Amino acid sequence: MSQKDLHDYVMVHRDEQEAFYAYVDKLHAEANWIEMPAMESLQDLENYPEFTKRFRNGSDPQDNAV
């Protein structure tokens, strides 16, 4: 099941803990997020061009689940 499919399933079946844990495990296994410290202003986004580029281009290297 793709990350997006699993995300959609968890959103519909919110009471299923096994599905939630499977989703979290998949997120950790794929690790397609960009880590950055908390921002104090919108101008702080300029310090993270790889983050803003992903959204400006509308592309995501993997599923666009979250």
C-alpha atoms as a PDB file:
ATOM      1  CA  MET A   1       0.000   0.000   0.000  1.00  0.00           C
ATOM      2  CA  SER A   2       1.403   3.395  -0.900  1.00  0.00           C
ATOM      3  CA  GLN A   3       1.985   6.058   1.710  1.00  0.00           C
ATOM      4  CA  LYS A   4      -0.954   8.066   0.359  1.00  0.00           C
ATOM      5  CA  ASP A   5      -3.291   5.043   0.359  1.00  0.00           C
ATOM      6  CA  LEU A   6      -2.297   4.211   3.917  1.00  0.00           C
ATOM      7  CA  HIS A   7      -2.789   7.839   4.958  1.00  0.00           C
ATOM      8  CA  ASP A   8      -6.254   7.883   3.406  1.00  0.00           C
ATOM      9  CA  TYR A   9      -7.147   4.616   5.139  1.00  0.00           C
ATOM     10  CA  VAL A  10      -5.995   5.916   8.533  1.00  0.00           C
ATOM     11  CA  MET A  11      -8.027   9.101   8.083  1.00  0.00           C
ATOM     12  CA  VAL A  12     -11.189   7.073   7.425  1.00  0.00           C
ATOM     13  CA  HIS A  13     -10.485   4.447  10.107  1.00  0.00           C
ATOM     14  CA  ARG A  14      -9.139   6.667  12.873  1.00  0.00           C
ATOM     15  CA  ASP A  15      -9.864   4.127  15.603  1.00  0.00           C
ATOM     16  CA  GLU A  16      -7.624   1.404  14.106  1.00  0.00           C
ATOM     17  CA  GLN A  17      -4.365   1.638  16.016  1.00  0.00           C
ATOM     18  CA  GLU A  18      -2.633  -1.039  13.939  1.00  0.00           C
ATOM     19  CA  ALA A  19      -3.227   0.979  10.764  1.00  0.00           C
ATOM     20  CA  PHE A  20      -1.924   4.123  12.457  1.00  0.00           C
ATOM     21  CA  TYR A  21       1.240   2.369  13.624  1.00  0.00           C
ATOM     22  CA  ALA A  22       1.762   0.882  10.151  1.00  0.00           C
ATOM     23  CA  TYR A  23       1.460   4.394   8.692  1.00  0.00           C
ATOM     24  CA  VAL A  24       3.973   5.854  11.168  1.00  0.00           C
ATOM     25  CA  ASP A  25       6.365   2.971  10.487  1.00  0.00           C
ATOM     26  CA  LYS A  26       6.089   3.644   6.744  1.00  0.00           C
ATOM     27  CA  LEU A  27       6.787   7.350   7.291  1.00  0.00           C
ATOM     28  CA  HIS A  28       9.933   6.512   9.243  1.00  0.00           C
ATOM     29  CA  ALA A  29      11.065   3.886   6.726  1.00  0.00           C
ATOM     30  CA  GLU A  30      10.678   6.204   3.729  1.00  0.00           C
ATOM     31  CA  ALA A  31      11.970   9.291   5.564  1.00  0.00           C
ATOM     32  CA  ASN A  32      10.996  11.716   2.808  1.00  0.00           C
ATOM     33  CA  TRP A  33      10.535  14.739   5.046  1.00  0.00           C
ATOM     34  CA  ILE A  34      12.781  17.762   5.382  1.00  0.00           C
ATOM     35  CA  GLU A  35      13.807  18.599   8.938  1.00  0.00           C
ATOM     36  CA  MET A  36      14.182  22.223   9.921  1.00  0.00           C
ATOM     37  CA  PRO A  37      13.977  24.194  13.156  1.00  0.00           C
ATOM     38  CA  ALA A  38      10.877  26.166  14.078  1.00  0.00           C
ATOM     39  CA  MET A  39      10.555  29.434  12.190  1.00  0.00           C
ATOM     40  CA  GLU A  40      10.070  32.793  13.794  1.00  0.00           C
ATOM     41  CA  SER A  41       8.796  34.489  10.627  1.00  0.00           C
ATOM     42  CA  LEU A  42       7.892  33.720   7.022  1.00  0.00           C
ATOM     43  CA  GLN A  43      11.207  35.242   5.957  1.00  0.00           C
ATOM     44  CA  ASP A  44      12.935  32.289   7.659  1.00  0.00           C
ATOM     45  CA  LEU A  45      11.752  30.148   4.720  1.00  0.00           C
ATOM     46  CA  GLU A  46      14.446  31.832   2.630  1.00  0.00           C
ATOM     47  CA  ASN A  47      17.002  29.852   4.681  1.00  0.00           C
ATOM     48  CA  TYR A  48      15.552  26.562   3.432  1.00  0.00           C
ATOM     49  CA  PRO A  49      15.480  26.700  -0.379  1.00  0.00           C
ATOM     50  CA  GLU A  50      15.122  22.897  -0.752  1.00  0.00           C
ATOM     51  CA  PHE A  51      11.897  23.072   1.268  1.00  0.00           C
ATOM     52  CA  THR A  52      10.340  25.934  -0.680  1.00  0.00           C
ATOM     53  CA  LYS A  53      11.488  24.497  -4.023  1.00  0.00           C
ATOM     54  CA  ARG A  54       9.518  21.301  -3.372  1.00  0.00           C
ATOM     55  CA  PHE A  55       6.281  23.280  -3.013  1.00  0.00           C
ATOM     56  CA  ARG A  56       6.921  25.849  -5.738  1.00  0.00           C
ATOM     57  CA  ASN A  57       7.516  23.099  -8.287  1.00  0.00           C
ATOM     58  CA  GLY A  58       4.543  21.113  -7.062  1.00  0.00           C
ATOM     59  CA  SER A  59       6.696  18.015  -7.049  1.00  0.00           C
ATOM     60  CA  ASP A  60       7.478  15.568  -4.305  1.00  0.00           C
ATOM     61  CA  PRO A  61      10.098  12.839  -4.612  1.00  0.00           C
ATOM     62  CA  GLN A  62       7.641  10.259  -3.281  1.00  0.00           C
ATOM     63  CA  ASP A  63       3.940  10.075  -2.478  1.00  0.00           C
ATOM     64  CA  ASN A  64       2.368  13.405  -1.626  1.00  0.00           C
ATOM     65  CA  ALA A  65       0.500  11.994   1.360  1.00  0.00           C
ATOM     66  CA  VAL A  66       0.779  14.605   4.016  1.00  0.00           C
END
